[in-house]
Amino acid sequence: MAAAALNDVEVDYPRGGARKRALGPVSLEVGAGEIVALVGPSGCGKSIALRLLAGLEAPTRGEVVRAAGRGETAVVFQAPTLAPWLSARGNAALPLELAGVAQRQAFARADEALARVGLAGAEAARPAQLSGGMAMRVSLARALVTGPKLLLLDEPFAALDEITRRALADDVLALWAETRPAIVFVTHNVEEAVYMAARVVVMTAGPGRIAAEVPVEGALPRAAGFRTTATFRATAEQVSERLAEAMGRSAAA
C-alpha cells in the first residue's frame, strides 16, 4: 500500500519570460513504513518533489497522491524554523494548538515528543538557548507530535557537524521504529542516504528525472558498525556511480 506517490508529475516555473521545466516527468511510489532517500545534484528538483508530497505546491502536470488528513504529513526543513518567542514545548505543541487541541493536552503531548527526541528537561528553553542539534531535535519533535503517516525531511542535517549528523540519523531511525511512518529524505550526502534509507532514488540534473533506484540491504534501524560493512561500502559506491552517470547523461543531453 502506497503512503504517497508522484504519478508522471512535471513542474514548470516562469523564467526569462518563458516557462521552463524544473522537474519531471517523475513517477515515484513510497510504501507505507518505507524510508526512501532522494539524492541528486543541486537544482535537480529534490526539494520540489518534497514540496509536492507535502501539499505545499501543485504540479503543472501529473498527479500527487498523499496522506491529506490533518497532521498525517509532517515536514522538517534544513533550518529548524522555530518561533523564537516560544519555548521548546510551545514550538513542539504548535501543530496541535493550530488544530484546536486544548493547550494543556497539547503541551503534554509536546513534552512526550520532546522526551522521545532526547530533550526531556529542556522543555522551557527558548530557541536562542539551544545548540543547532538541539534546535533540530525540537523541529523533529514538532513534526512527530501529530503522529504523521508521512514524514518528509529536506536536508535537515546539512548545517550540522558530522558527529551531530550521525547521532540525529540514528535518532530518526529509532523514532521511525516506534511508529513506522513512511519517510522521504532529501540529502546531498550519499553515505547518509545509504545509511538511513531502504531505497535510494538517484535524480538527474534539472529538470530532474529519476535515473536509478538502488535498494539497500540490511535491517533498519542500522546495527552498530553498519558503516564499516562491505554492504554499506558497495552500496554507497553503486549510488555514487549511478549519480555520476546521471549527471553525465544530463550534460550530454
C-alpha atoms as a PDB file:
ATOM      1  CA  MET A   1       0.000   0.000   0.000  1.00  0.00           C
ATOM      2  CA  ALA A   2       1.389   3.389  -1.004  1.00  0.00           C
ATOM      3  CA  ALA A   3       1.718   6.138   1.594  1.00  0.00           C
ATOM      4  CA  ALA A   4       2.393   8.686  -1.157  1.00  0.00           C
ATOM      5  CA  ALA A   5       3.087   8.804  -4.871  1.00  0.00           C
ATOM      6  CA  LEU A   6       4.059  11.093  -7.715  1.00  0.00           C
ATOM      7  CA  ASN A   7       2.459   9.971 -10.974  1.00  0.00           C
ATOM      8  CA  ASP A   8       4.081  11.454 -14.098  1.00  0.00           C
ATOM      9  CA  VAL A   9       4.450  14.828 -12.400  1.00  0.00           C
ATOM     10  CA  GLU A  10       6.056  17.797 -14.092  1.00  0.00           C
ATOM     11  CA  VAL A  11       6.688  21.255 -12.655  1.00  0.00           C
ATOM     12  CA  ASP A  12       7.297  24.337 -14.784  1.00  0.00           C
ATOM     13  CA  TYR A  13       8.406  27.734 -13.485  1.00  0.00           C
ATOM     14  CA  PRO A  14       8.418  31.120 -15.273  1.00  0.00           C
ATOM     15  CA  ARG A  15      11.964  32.048 -16.181  1.00  0.00           C
ATOM     16  CA  GLY A  16      13.244  34.744 -18.536  1.00  0.00           C
ATOM     17  CA  GLY A  17       9.793  35.482 -19.934  1.00  0.00           C
ATOM     18  CA  ALA A  18       9.050  31.822 -20.637  1.00  0.00           C
ATOM     19  CA  ARG A  19       8.055  28.749 -18.689  1.00  0.00           C
ATOM     20  CA  LYS A  20      10.808  26.201 -18.193  1.00  0.00           C
ATOM     21  CA  ARG A  21      10.734  22.693 -16.789  1.00  0.00           C
ATOM     22  CA  ALA A  22      12.160  22.381 -13.253  1.00  0.00           C
ATOM     23  CA  LEU A  23      11.134  18.784 -12.530  1.00  0.00           C
ATOM     24  CA  GLY A  24       9.948  15.756 -14.388  1.00  0.00           C
ATOM     25  CA  PRO A  25       8.423  13.786 -15.645  1.00  0.00           C
ATOM     26  CA  VAL A  26       8.793  11.853 -12.394  1.00  0.00           C
ATOM     27  CA  SER A  27       6.898   8.839 -11.058  1.00  0.00           C
ATOM     28  CA  LEU A  28       7.688   7.656  -7.546  1.00  0.00           C
ATOM     29  CA  GLU A  29       5.759   5.485  -5.109  1.00  0.00           C
ATOM     30  CA  VAL A  30       6.561   5.352  -1.399  1.00  0.00           C
ATOM     31  CA  GLY A  31       5.192   2.381   0.504  1.00  0.00           C
ATOM     32  CA  ALA A  32       3.668   2.592   3.970  1.00  0.00           C
ATOM     33  CA  GLY A  33       6.504   2.491   6.503  1.00  0.00           C
ATOM     34  CA  GLU A  34       9.193   2.696   3.807  1.00  0.00           C
ATOM     35  CA  ILE A  35      12.216   5.023   4.027  1.00  0.00           C
ATOM     36  CA  VAL A  36      13.286   6.477   0.686  1.00  0.00           C
ATOM     37  CA  ALA A  37      16.208   8.851   0.122  1.00  0.00           C
ATOM     38  CA  LEU A  38      16.420  11.264  -2.805  1.00  0.00           C
ATOM     39  CA  VAL A  39      19.905  12.220  -3.993  1.00  0.00           C
ATOM     40  CA  GLY A  40      20.977  14.342  -6.929  1.00  0.00           C
ATOM     41  CA  PRO A  41      22.896  17.451  -7.922  1.00  0.00           C
ATOM     42  CA  SER A  42      21.872  20.894  -6.701  1.00  0.00           C
ATOM     43  CA  GLY A  43      18.914  22.239  -8.639  1.00  0.00           C
ATOM     44  CA  CYS A  44      17.646  18.834  -9.748  1.00  0.00           C
ATOM     45  CA  GLY A  45      14.262  19.265  -8.077  1.00  0.00           C
ATOM     46  CA  LYS A  46      14.628  17.107  -4.953  1.00  0.00           C
ATOM     47  CA  SER A  47      13.072  19.777  -2.745  1.00  0.00           C
ATOM     48  CA  ILE A  48      10.352  20.444  -5.330  1.00  0.00           C
ATOM     49  CA  ALA A  49       9.393  16.766  -5.169  1.00  0.00           C
ATOM     50  CA  LEU A  50       9.216  17.024  -1.392  1.00  0.00           C
ATOM     51  CA  ARG A  51       7.016  20.125  -1.553  1.00  0.00           C
ATOM     52  CA  LEU A  52       4.668  18.290  -3.907  1.00  0.00           C
ATOM     53  CA  LEU A  53       4.397  15.405  -1.450  1.00  0.00           C
ATOM     54  CA  ALA A  54       3.825  17.884   1.386  1.00  0.00           C
ATOM     55  CA  GLY A  55       0.999  19.609  -0.466  1.00  0.00           C
ATOM     56  CA  LEU A  56       2.919  22.897  -0.405  1.00  0.00           C
ATOM     57  CA  GLU A  57       2.979  23.078  -4.197  1.00  0.00           C
ATOM     58  CA  ALA A  58       0.869  21.707  -7.037  1.00  0.00           C
ATOM     59  CA  PRO A  59       2.309  20.025 -10.136  1.00  0.00           C
ATOM     60  CA  THR A  60       1.975  21.671 -13.532  1.00  0.00           C
ATOM     61  CA  ARG A  61       1.025  18.269 -14.899  1.00  0.00           C
ATOM     62  CA  GLY A  62       0.539  14.848 -13.361  1.00  0.00           C
ATOM     63  CA  GLU A  63      -0.927  13.617 -10.091  1.00  0.00           C
ATOM     64  CA  VAL A  64       0.211  13.667  -6.464  1.00  0.00           C
ATOM     65  CA  VAL A  65      -1.171  11.084  -4.047  1.00  0.00           C
ATOM     66  CA  ARG A  66      -0.511  11.829  -0.378  1.00  0.00           C
ATOM     67  CA  ALA A  67      -1.836  11.447   3.150  1.00  0.00           C
ATOM     68  CA  ALA A  68      -4.054  14.501   3.175  1.00  0.00           C
ATOM     69  CA  GLY A  69      -5.656  14.356   6.617  1.00  0.00           C
ATOM     70  CA  ARG A  70      -4.757  16.943   9.243  1.00  0.00           C
ATOM     71  CA  GLY A  71      -1.427  16.044  10.830  1.00  0.00           C
ATOM     72  CA  GLU A  72      -0.905  12.993   8.605  1.00  0.00           C
ATOM     73  CA  THR A  73       2.012  14.629   6.748  1.00  0.00           C
ATOM     74  CA  ALA A  74       4.844  16.419   8.547  1.00  0.00           C
ATOM     75  CA  VAL A  75       7.867  18.258   7.141  1.00  0.00           C
ATOM     76  CA  VAL A  76      11.275  19.003   8.659  1.00  0.00           C
ATOM     77  CA  PHE A  77      13.270  21.590   6.742  1.00  0.00           C
ATOM     78  CA  GLN A  78      17.002  22.268   6.620  1.00  0.00           C
ATOM     79  CA  ALA A  79      16.589  25.160   9.081  1.00  0.00           C
ATOM     80  CA  PRO A  80      14.662  24.350  12.269  1.00  0.00           C
ATOM     81  CA  THR A  81      12.276  27.325  11.638  1.00  0.00           C
ATOM     82  CA  LEU A  82      11.361  27.633  15.311  1.00  0.00           C
ATOM     83  CA  ALA A  83       9.324  30.541  16.655  1.00  0.00           C
ATOM     84  CA  PRO A  84      11.917  32.462  18.734  1.00  0.00           C
ATOM     85  CA  TRP A  85       9.318  33.735  21.230  1.00  0.00           C
ATOM     86  CA  LEU A  86       8.123  30.230  22.114  1.00  0.00           C
ATOM     87  CA  SER A  87       9.762  27.646  24.337  1.00  0.00           C
ATOM     88  CA  ALA A  88      10.750  24.227  23.049  1.00  0.00           C
ATOM     89  CA  ARG A  89       7.444  22.991  24.475  1.00  0.00           C
ATOM     90  CA  GLY A  90       5.490  25.761  22.754  1.00  0.00           C
ATOM     91  CA  ASN A  91       7.167  25.105  19.413  1.00  0.00           C
ATOM     92  CA  ALA A  92       6.569  21.364  19.608  1.00  0.00           C
ATOM     93  CA  ALA A  93       2.935  21.900  20.599  1.00  0.00           C
ATOM     94  CA  LEU A  94       2.211  24.419  17.827  1.00  0.00           C
ATOM     95  CA  PRO A  95       0.714  21.980  15.252  1.00  0.00           C
ATOM     96  CA  LEU A  96      -1.670  20.632  17.873  1.00  0.00           C
ATOM     97  CA  GLU A  97      -2.760  24.066  19.065  1.00  0.00           C
ATOM     98  CA  LEU A  98      -3.342  25.187  15.480  1.00  0.00           C
ATOM     99  CA  ALA A  99      -5.520  22.092  15.065  1.00  0.00           C
ATOM    100  CA  GLY A 100      -7.647  23.162  18.026  1.00  0.00           C
ATOM    101  CA  VAL A 101      -6.226  20.841  20.701  1.00  0.00           C
ATOM    102  CA  ALA A 102      -6.528  22.312  24.193  1.00  0.00           C
ATOM    103  CA  GLN A 103      -3.252  23.807  25.403  1.00  0.00           C
ATOM    104  CA  ARG A 104      -2.912  21.520  28.420  1.00  0.00           C
ATOM    105  CA  GLN A 105      -3.253  18.416  26.254  1.00  0.00           C
ATOM    106  CA  ALA A 106      -1.060  19.901  23.505  1.00  0.00           C
ATOM    107  CA  PHE A 107       1.705  20.679  25.993  1.00  0.00           C
ATOM    108  CA  ALA A 108       1.518  17.190  27.496  1.00  0.00           C
ATOM    109  CA  ARG A 109       1.899  15.615  24.055  1.00  0.00           C
ATOM    110  CA  ALA A 110       4.679  18.065  23.195  1.00  0.00           C
ATOM    111  CA  ASP A 111       6.574  17.062  26.335  1.00  0.00           C
ATOM    112  CA  GLU A 112       6.248  13.414  25.308  1.00  0.00           C
ATOM    113  CA  ALA A 113       7.584  14.214  21.830  1.00  0.00           C
ATOM    114  CA  LEU A 114      10.498  16.209  23.254  1.00  0.00           C
ATOM    115  CA  ALA A 115      11.372  13.311  25.546  1.00  0.00           C
ATOM    116  CA  ARG A 116      11.355  10.969  22.543  1.00  0.00           C
ATOM    117  CA  VAL A 117      13.984  13.112  20.809  1.00  0.00           C
ATOM    118  CA  GLY A 118      16.172  13.323  23.926  1.00  0.00           C
ATOM    119  CA  LEU A 119      15.139  16.761  25.171  1.00  0.00           C
ATOM    120  CA  ALA A 120      13.435  15.891  28.462  1.00  0.00           C
ATOM    121  CA  GLY A 121      14.302  18.707  30.839  1.00  0.00           C
ATOM    122  CA  ALA A 122      14.719  21.297  28.086  1.00  0.00           C
ATOM    123  CA  GLU A 123      11.011  21.988  27.596  1.00  0.00           C
ATOM    124  CA  ALA A 124      11.236  25.605  28.814  1.00  0.00           C
ATOM    125  CA  ALA A 125      14.321  26.537  26.766  1.00  0.00           C
ATOM    126  CA  ARG A 126      13.951  29.164  24.040  1.00  0.00           C
ATOM    127  CA  PRO A 127      15.489  28.602  20.570  1.00  0.00           C
ATOM    128  CA  ALA A 128      18.298  31.089  21.314  1.00  0.00           C
ATOM    129  CA  GLN A 129      19.377  28.845  24.198  1.00  0.00           C
ATOM    130  CA  LEU A 130      19.596  25.710  22.049  1.00  0.00           C
ATOM    131  CA  SER A 131      22.503  24.334  20.032  1.00  0.00           C
ATOM    132  CA  GLY A 132      21.959  23.591  16.344  1.00  0.00           C
ATOM    133  CA  GLY A 133      21.459  19.916  17.086  1.00  0.00           C
ATOM    134  CA  MET A 134      19.001  20.620  19.911  1.00  0.00           C
ATOM    135  CA  ALA A 135      17.019  23.023  17.719  1.00  0.00           C
ATOM    136  CA  MET A 136      16.746  20.338  15.048  1.00  0.00           C
ATOM    137  CA  ARG A 137      15.523  17.889  17.696  1.00  0.00           C
ATOM    138  CA  VAL A 138      12.760  20.359  18.601  1.00  0.00           C
ATOM    139  CA  SER A 139      11.863  20.563  14.927  1.00  0.00           C
ATOM    140  CA  LEU A 140      11.681  16.759  14.810  1.00  0.00           C
ATOM    141  CA  ALA A 141       9.516  16.705  17.933  1.00  0.00           C
ATOM    142  CA  ARG A 142       7.165  19.238  16.335  1.00  0.00           C
ATOM    143  CA  ALA A 143       6.913  17.019  13.244  1.00  0.00           C
ATOM    144  CA  LEU A 144       6.282  13.860  15.265  1.00  0.00           C
ATOM    145  CA  VAL A 145       3.773  15.278  17.736  1.00  0.00           C
ATOM    146  CA  THR A 146       0.809  14.670  15.398  1.00  0.00           C
ATOM    147  CA  GLY A 147       1.788  11.051  14.713  1.00  0.00           C
ATOM    148  CA  PRO A 148       2.225  11.523  10.947  1.00  0.00           C
ATOM    149  CA  LYS A 149       1.889   8.718   8.424  1.00  0.00           C
ATOM    150  CA  LEU A 150       4.305  10.515   6.085  1.00  0.00           C
ATOM    151  CA  LEU A 151       7.435  12.319   7.316  1.00  0.00           C
ATOM    152  CA  LEU A 152       9.325  14.489   4.830  1.00  0.00           C
ATOM    153  CA  LEU A 153      12.902  15.509   5.658  1.00  0.00           C
ATOM    154  CA  ASP A 154      14.529  18.189   3.485  1.00  0.00           C
ATOM    155  CA  GLU A 155      18.276  18.054   4.237  1.00  0.00           C
ATOM    156  CA  PRO A 156      17.643  18.531   7.968  1.00  0.00           C
ATOM    157  CA  PHE A 157      21.239  17.770   8.979  1.00  0.00           C
ATOM    158  CA  ALA A 158      23.050  19.789   6.294  1.00  0.00           C
ATOM    159  CA  ALA A 159      24.189  22.598   8.618  1.00  0.00           C
ATOM    160  CA  LEU A 160      25.320  20.308  11.441  1.00  0.00           C
ATOM    161  CA  ASP A 161      28.709  18.829  12.240  1.00  0.00           C
ATOM    162  CA  GLU A 162      29.415  15.210  11.341  1.00  0.00           C
ATOM    163  CA  ILE A 163      29.100  13.818  14.883  1.00  0.00           C
ATOM    164  CA  THR A 164      25.721  15.520  15.391  1.00  0.00           C
ATOM    165  CA  ARG A 165      24.549  14.415  11.936  1.00  0.00           C
ATOM    166  CA  ARG A 166      25.298  10.787  12.720  1.00  0.00           C
ATOM    167  CA  ALA A 167      23.634  10.968  16.118  1.00  0.00           C
ATOM    168  CA  LEU A 168      20.488  12.501  14.651  1.00  0.00           C
ATOM    169  CA  ALA A 169      20.406   9.928  11.845  1.00  0.00           C
ATOM    170  CA  ASP A 170      20.317   7.181  14.473  1.00  0.00           C
ATOM    171  CA  ASP A 171      17.682   9.114  16.422  1.00  0.00           C
ATOM    172  CA  VAL A 172      15.434   9.421  13.382  1.00  0.00           C
ATOM    173  CA  LEU A 173      15.731   5.699  12.669  1.00  0.00           C
ATOM    174  CA  ALA A 174      14.953   4.853  16.314  1.00  0.00           C
ATOM    175  CA  LEU A 175      11.892   7.122  16.204  1.00  0.00           C
ATOM    176  CA  TRP A 176      10.817   5.535  12.920  1.00  0.00           C
ATOM    177  CA  ALA A 177      10.997   2.094  14.547  1.00  0.00           C
ATOM    178  CA  GLU A 178       8.414   3.175  17.133  1.00  0.00           C
ATOM    179  CA  THR A 179       5.590   4.225  14.783  1.00  0.00           C
ATOM    180  CA  ARG A 180       6.826   3.289  11.266  1.00  0.00           C
ATOM    181  CA  PRO A 181       5.798   6.352   9.231  1.00  0.00           C
ATOM    182  CA  ALA A 182       6.808   6.464   5.601  1.00  0.00           C
ATOM    183  CA  ILE A 183       9.830   8.762   5.275  1.00  0.00           C
ATOM    184  CA  VAL A 184      11.167  10.615   2.244  1.00  0.00           C
ATOM    185  CA  PHE A 185      14.602  12.029   2.989  1.00  0.00           C
ATOM    186  CA  VAL A 186      16.384  14.541   0.739  1.00  0.00           C
ATOM    187  CA  THR A 187      20.160  14.759   1.067  1.00  0.00           C
ATOM    188  CA  HIS A 188      23.302  15.576  -0.909  1.00  0.00           C
ATOM    189  CA  ASN A 189      25.256  13.066   1.165  1.00  0.00           C
ATOM    190  CA  VAL A 190      25.392   9.627  -0.490  1.00  0.00           C
ATOM    191  CA  GLU A 191      26.597   7.820   2.639  1.00  0.00           C
ATOM    192  CA  GLU A 192      23.851   9.425   4.717  1.00  0.00           C
ATOM    193  CA  ALA A 193      21.272   8.289   2.161  1.00  0.00           C
ATOM    194  CA  VAL A 194      22.541   4.701   2.199  1.00  0.00           C
ATOM    195  CA  TYR A 195      22.667   4.629   5.994  1.00  0.00           C
ATOM    196  CA  MET A 196      19.120   5.903   6.521  1.00  0.00           C
ATOM    197  CA  ALA A 197      17.108   4.502   3.640  1.00  0.00           C
ATOM    198  CA  ALA A 198      15.889   1.158   2.381  1.00  0.00           C
ATOM    199  CA  ARG A 199      15.914   2.581  -1.156  1.00  0.00           C
ATOM    200  CA  VAL A 200      17.945   5.400  -2.688  1.00  0.00           C
ATOM    201  CA  VAL A 201      16.461   7.249  -5.653  1.00  0.00           C
ATOM    202  CA  VAL A 202      19.044   8.961  -7.877  1.00  0.00           C
ATOM    203  CA  MET A 203      17.930  12.022  -9.841  1.00  0.00           C
ATOM    204  CA  THR A 204      19.434  13.687 -12.884  1.00  0.00           C
ATOM    205  CA  ALA A 205      20.394  17.362 -13.063  1.00  0.00           C
ATOM    206  CA  GLY A 206      17.458  19.690 -13.629  1.00  0.00           C
ATOM    207  CA  PRO A 207      14.896  19.271 -14.895  1.00  0.00           C
ATOM    208  CA  GLY A 208      15.155  16.342 -12.513  1.00  0.00           C
ATOM    209  CA  ARG A 209      14.094  12.887 -13.540  1.00  0.00           C
ATOM    210  CA  ILE A 210      14.696   9.536 -11.869  1.00  0.00           C
ATOM    211  CA  ALA A 211      17.869   7.979 -13.245  1.00  0.00           C
ATOM    212  CA  ALA A 212      18.144   4.949 -10.957  1.00  0.00           C
ATOM    213  CA  GLU A 213      16.805   3.320  -7.812  1.00  0.00           C
ATOM    214  CA  VAL A 214      19.233   1.429  -5.594  1.00  0.00           C
ATOM    215  CA  PRO A 215      17.927  -0.883  -2.840  1.00  0.00           C
ATOM    216  CA  VAL A 216      19.920  -1.007   0.403  1.00  0.00           C
ATOM    217  CA  GLU A 217      20.257  -4.386   2.100  1.00  0.00           C
ATOM    218  CA  GLY A 218      20.220  -4.665   5.885  1.00  0.00           C
ATOM    219  CA  ALA A 219      17.698  -4.147   8.645  1.00  0.00           C
ATOM    220  CA  LEU A 220      16.536  -0.745   9.841  1.00  0.00           C
ATOM    221  CA  PRO A 221      17.433   0.754  12.276  1.00  0.00           C
ATOM    222  CA  ARG A 222      21.053   0.030  11.405  1.00  0.00           C
ATOM    223  CA  ALA A 223      23.183  -2.263  13.531  1.00  0.00           C
ATOM    224  CA  ALA A 224      26.268  -0.822  15.185  1.00  0.00           C
ATOM    225  CA  GLY A 225      29.152  -0.740  12.738  1.00  0.00           C
ATOM    226  CA  PHE A 226      26.928  -0.838   9.638  1.00  0.00           C
ATOM    227  CA  ARG A 227      29.015   1.899   8.019  1.00  0.00           C
ATOM    228  CA  THR A 228      32.076  -0.369   8.119  1.00  0.00           C
ATOM    229  CA  THR A 229      30.414  -3.309   6.374  1.00  0.00           C
ATOM    230  CA  ALA A 230      31.090  -4.396   2.812  1.00  0.00           C
ATOM    231  CA  THR A 231      27.373  -3.986   2.032  1.00  0.00           C
ATOM    232  CA  PHE A 232      27.400  -0.335   3.049  1.00  0.00           C
ATOM    233  CA  ARG A 233      30.576   0.477   1.149  1.00  0.00           C
ATOM    234  CA  ALA A 234      29.456  -1.343  -2.008  1.00  0.00           C
ATOM    235  CA  THR A 235      26.016   0.279  -1.982  1.00  0.00           C
ATOM    236  CA  ALA A 236      27.440   3.766  -1.417  1.00  0.00           C
ATOM    237  CA  GLU A 237      29.794   3.198  -4.356  1.00  0.00           C
ATOM    238  CA  GLN A 238      26.915   1.985  -6.521  1.00  0.00           C
ATOM    239  CA  VAL A 239      24.829   5.080  -5.703  1.00  0.00           C
ATOM    240  CA  SER A 240      27.824   7.342  -6.421  1.00  0.00           C
ATOM    241  CA  GLU A 241      28.348   5.642  -9.791  1.00  0.00           C
ATOM    242  CA  ARG A 242      24.664   5.981 -10.738  1.00  0.00           C
ATOM    243  CA  LEU A 243      24.788   9.645  -9.726  1.00  0.00           C
ATOM    244  CA  ALA A 244      27.866  10.287 -11.859  1.00  0.00           C
ATOM    245  CA  GLU A 245      26.217   8.510 -14.799  1.00  0.00           C
ATOM    246  CA  ALA A 246      23.030  10.554 -14.377  1.00  0.00           C
ATOM    247  CA  MET A 247      24.947  13.816 -14.351  1.00  0.00           C
ATOM    248  CA  GLY A 248      26.955  12.723 -17.392  1.00  0.00           C
ATOM    249  CA  ARG A 249      23.841  11.842 -19.348  1.00  0.00           C
ATOM    250  CA  SER A 250      22.264  15.159 -18.430  1.00  0.00           C
ATOM    251  CA  ALA A 251      25.353  17.117 -19.502  1.00  0.00           C
ATOM    252  CA  ALA A 252      25.428  15.265 -22.830  1.00  0.00           C
ATOM    253  CA  ALA A 253      21.716  15.791 -23.499  1.00  0.00           C
END
